[in-house]
Amino acid sequence: MSALGDIHLADLNEERRRRVLVASNARFNRATRRVVVIPEVFGEPDDVPFPWRVMVGDAIFAVDLLRTISIERLLQRTGQASLVDMLQIRRAILHIT
């Protein structure tokens, strides 16, 4: 079962699969069979400023593109965000709401 801060390769119904960072806890994920995810963005940096975009390792995750997906669309766990990364994610989510 996926947990808060896990990074997975996911099928987002796009041309290519991308990594997503799980922003919901395991209890929510089990109860709803869905996960709140933040997708990785590719390519050149755009005009969306931080804190909407958070660097985790070598990847940039777009908090402003936060969404839910079915848990079955998580394909493979590829990593874990650090506590510091998750604090940045939390701050960005609080800015959005």
C-alpha atoms as a PDB file:
ATOM      1  CA  MET A   1       0.000   0.000   0.000  1.00  0.00           C
ATOM      2  CA  SER A   2       1.313   3.427  -0.861  1.00  0.00           C
ATOM      3  CA  ALA A   3       2.046   5.938   1.884  1.00  0.00           C
ATOM      4  CA  LEU A   4       2.607   9.654   2.276  1.00  0.00           C
ATOM      5  CA  GLY A   5       5.851  10.683   0.579  1.00  0.00           C
ATOM      6  CA  ASP A   6       6.214   7.600  -1.631  1.00  0.00           C
ATOM      7  CA  ILE A   7       7.251   8.249  -5.215  1.00  0.00           C
ATOM      8  CA  HIS A   8       5.704   5.957  -7.834  1.00  0.00           C
ATOM      9  CA  LEU A   9       5.708   5.542 -11.568  1.00  0.00           C
ATOM     10  CA  ALA A  10       2.053   6.039 -12.518  1.00  0.00           C
ATOM     11  CA  ASP A  11      -0.324   5.800 -15.436  1.00  0.00           C
ATOM     12  CA  LEU A  12      -2.004   9.217 -15.680  1.00  0.00           C
ATOM     13  CA  ASN A  13      -3.686   8.495 -19.043  1.00  0.00           C
ATOM     14  CA  GLU A  14      -1.024  10.527 -20.814  1.00  0.00           C
ATOM     15  CA  GLU A  15       1.301   9.713 -23.698  1.00  0.00           C
ATOM     16  CA  ARG A  16       4.032   8.663 -21.295  1.00  0.00           C
ATOM     17  CA  ARG A  17       4.057   7.468 -17.732  1.00  0.00           C
ATOM     18  CA  ARG A  18       5.420   9.809 -15.121  1.00  0.00           C
ATOM     19  CA  ARG A  19       6.493   9.746 -11.515  1.00  0.00           C
ATOM     20  CA  VAL A  20       4.099  11.039  -8.903  1.00  0.00           C
ATOM     21  CA  LEU A  21       4.588  11.893  -5.254  1.00  0.00           C
ATOM     22  CA  VAL A  22       1.881  10.565  -2.922  1.00  0.00           C
ATOM     23  CA  ALA A  23       0.380  13.384  -0.836  1.00  0.00           C
ATOM     24  CA  SER A  24      -2.221  11.321   1.056  1.00  0.00           C
ATOM     25  CA  ASN A  25      -1.729   8.939   3.949  1.00  0.00           C
ATOM     26  CA  ALA A  26      -2.133   5.148   3.824  1.00  0.00           C
ATOM     27  CA  ARG A  27      -5.369   5.222   5.838  1.00  0.00           C
ATOM     28  CA  PHE A  28      -7.045   7.540   3.312  1.00  0.00           C
ATOM     29  CA  ASN A  29      -5.661   5.476   0.425  1.00  0.00           C
ATOM     30  CA  ARG A  30      -7.026   2.205   1.836  1.00  0.00           C
ATOM     31  CA  ALA A  31     -10.440   3.668   2.695  1.00  0.00           C
ATOM     32  CA  THR A  32     -11.035   5.346  -0.674  1.00  0.00           C
ATOM     33  CA  ARG A  33      -8.952   3.147  -3.008  1.00  0.00           C
ATOM     34  CA  ARG A  34      -7.628   6.463  -4.368  1.00  0.00           C
ATOM     35  CA  VAL A  35      -4.435   8.428  -3.815  1.00  0.00           C
ATOM     36  CA  VAL A  36      -3.785  12.161  -3.860  1.00  0.00           C
ATOM     37  CA  VAL A  37      -0.734  12.624  -6.068  1.00  0.00           C
ATOM     38  CA  ILE A  38       1.541  15.411  -7.238  1.00  0.00           C
ATOM     39  CA  PRO A  39       2.918  14.735 -10.737  1.00  0.00           C
ATOM     40  CA  GLU A  40       6.502  15.253 -11.840  1.00  0.00           C
ATOM     41  CA  VAL A  41       6.952  17.893 -14.545  1.00  0.00           C
ATOM     42  CA  PHE A  42       9.270  17.468 -17.519  1.00  0.00           C
ATOM     43  CA  GLY A  43      11.185  19.821 -19.752  1.00  0.00           C
ATOM     44  CA  GLU A  44      12.273  23.387 -19.322  1.00  0.00           C
ATOM     45  CA  PRO A  45      11.270  25.264 -16.188  1.00  0.00           C
ATOM     46  CA  ASP A  46       8.143  27.316 -16.747  1.00  0.00           C
ATOM     47  CA  ASP A  47       6.889  30.544 -15.273  1.00  0.00           C
ATOM     48  CA  VAL A  48       5.169  28.880 -12.321  1.00  0.00           C
ATOM     49  CA  PRO A  49       7.117  29.983  -9.249  1.00  0.00           C
ATOM     50  CA  PHE A  50       8.027  28.056  -6.174  1.00  0.00           C
ATOM     51  CA  PRO A  51       6.399  27.023  -3.795  1.00  0.00           C
ATOM     52  CA  TRP A  52       4.079  25.549  -6.444  1.00  0.00           C
ATOM     53  CA  ARG A  53       6.979  23.494  -7.770  1.00  0.00           C
ATOM     54  CA  VAL A  54       9.037  21.447  -5.307  1.00  0.00           C
ATOM     55  CA  MET A  55      12.392  19.825  -6.034  1.00  0.00           C
ATOM     56  CA  VAL A  56      12.672  16.276  -4.675  1.00  0.00           C
ATOM     57  CA  GLY A  57      15.990  14.686  -5.538  1.00  0.00           C
ATOM     58  CA  ASP A  58      16.534  15.345  -9.252  1.00  0.00           C
ATOM     59  CA  ALA A  59      12.848  15.829 -10.058  1.00  0.00           C
ATOM     60  CA  ILE A  60      10.435  18.735  -9.857  1.00  0.00           C
ATOM     61  CA  PHE A  61       6.907  17.975  -8.679  1.00  0.00           C
ATOM     62  CA  ALA A  62       4.038  20.340  -9.529  1.00  0.00           C
ATOM     63  CA  VAL A  63       1.932  20.903  -6.406  1.00  0.00           C
ATOM     64  CA  ASP A  64      -0.441  23.092  -8.423  1.00  0.00           C
ATOM     65  CA  LEU A  65      -1.315  19.990 -10.503  1.00  0.00           C
ATOM     66  CA  LEU A  66      -2.334  17.947  -7.444  1.00  0.00           C
ATOM     67  CA  ARG A  67      -5.081  15.394  -8.209  1.00  0.00           C
ATOM     68  CA  THR A  68      -6.492  12.035  -7.196  1.00  0.00           C
ATOM     69  CA  ILE A  69      -6.117   8.795  -9.108  1.00  0.00           C
ATOM     70  CA  SER A  70      -7.223   5.228  -8.575  1.00  0.00           C
ATOM     71  CA  ILE A  71      -4.721   3.314  -6.471  1.00  0.00           C
ATOM     72  CA  GLU A  72      -4.452   0.711  -9.251  1.00  0.00           C
ATOM     73  CA  ARG A  73      -2.784   3.331 -11.480  1.00  0.00           C
ATOM     74  CA  LEU A  74       0.331   3.375  -9.276  1.00  0.00           C
ATOM     75  CA  LEU A  75       2.646   1.023 -11.146  1.00  0.00           C
ATOM     76  CA  GLN A  76       5.954   0.835  -9.316  1.00  0.00           C
ATOM     77  CA  ARG A  77       7.453   2.482  -6.243  1.00  0.00           C
ATOM     78  CA  THR A  78      10.645   4.299  -7.223  1.00  0.00           C
ATOM     79  CA  GLY A  79      11.582   6.269  -4.119  1.00  0.00           C
ATOM     80  CA  GLN A  80      10.644   8.225  -1.017  1.00  0.00           C
ATOM     81  CA  ALA A  81      10.643  11.965  -0.332  1.00  0.00           C
ATOM     82  CA  SER A  82      12.499  13.157   2.750  1.00  0.00           C
ATOM     83  CA  LEU A  83      10.856  14.824   5.728  1.00  0.00           C
ATOM     84  CA  VAL A  84      12.252  18.190   4.592  1.00  0.00           C
ATOM     85  CA  ASP A  85      10.753  17.639   1.119  1.00  0.00           C
ATOM     86  CA  MET A  86       7.380  16.756   2.634  1.00  0.00           C
ATOM     87  CA  LEU A  87       7.432  19.931   4.748  1.00  0.00           C
ATOM     88  CA  GLN A  88       7.932  21.957   1.544  1.00  0.00           C
ATOM     89  CA  ILE A  89       5.062  20.053  -0.087  1.00  0.00           C
ATOM     90  CA  ARG A  90       2.821  20.764   2.916  1.00  0.00           C
ATOM     91  CA  ARG A  91       3.644  24.492   2.775  1.00  0.00           C
ATOM     92  CA  ALA A  92       2.861  24.580  -0.951  1.00  0.00           C
ATOM     93  CA  ILE A  93      -0.486  22.807  -0.431  1.00  0.00           C
ATOM     94  CA  LEU A  94      -1.385  25.280   2.313  1.00  0.00           C
ATOM     95  CA  HIS A  95      -0.640  28.154  -0.104  1.00  0.00           C
ATOM     96  CA  ILE A  96      -3.034  26.666  -2.648  1.00  0.00           C
ATOM     97  CA  THR A  97      -5.920  26.148  -0.225  1.00  0.00           C
END
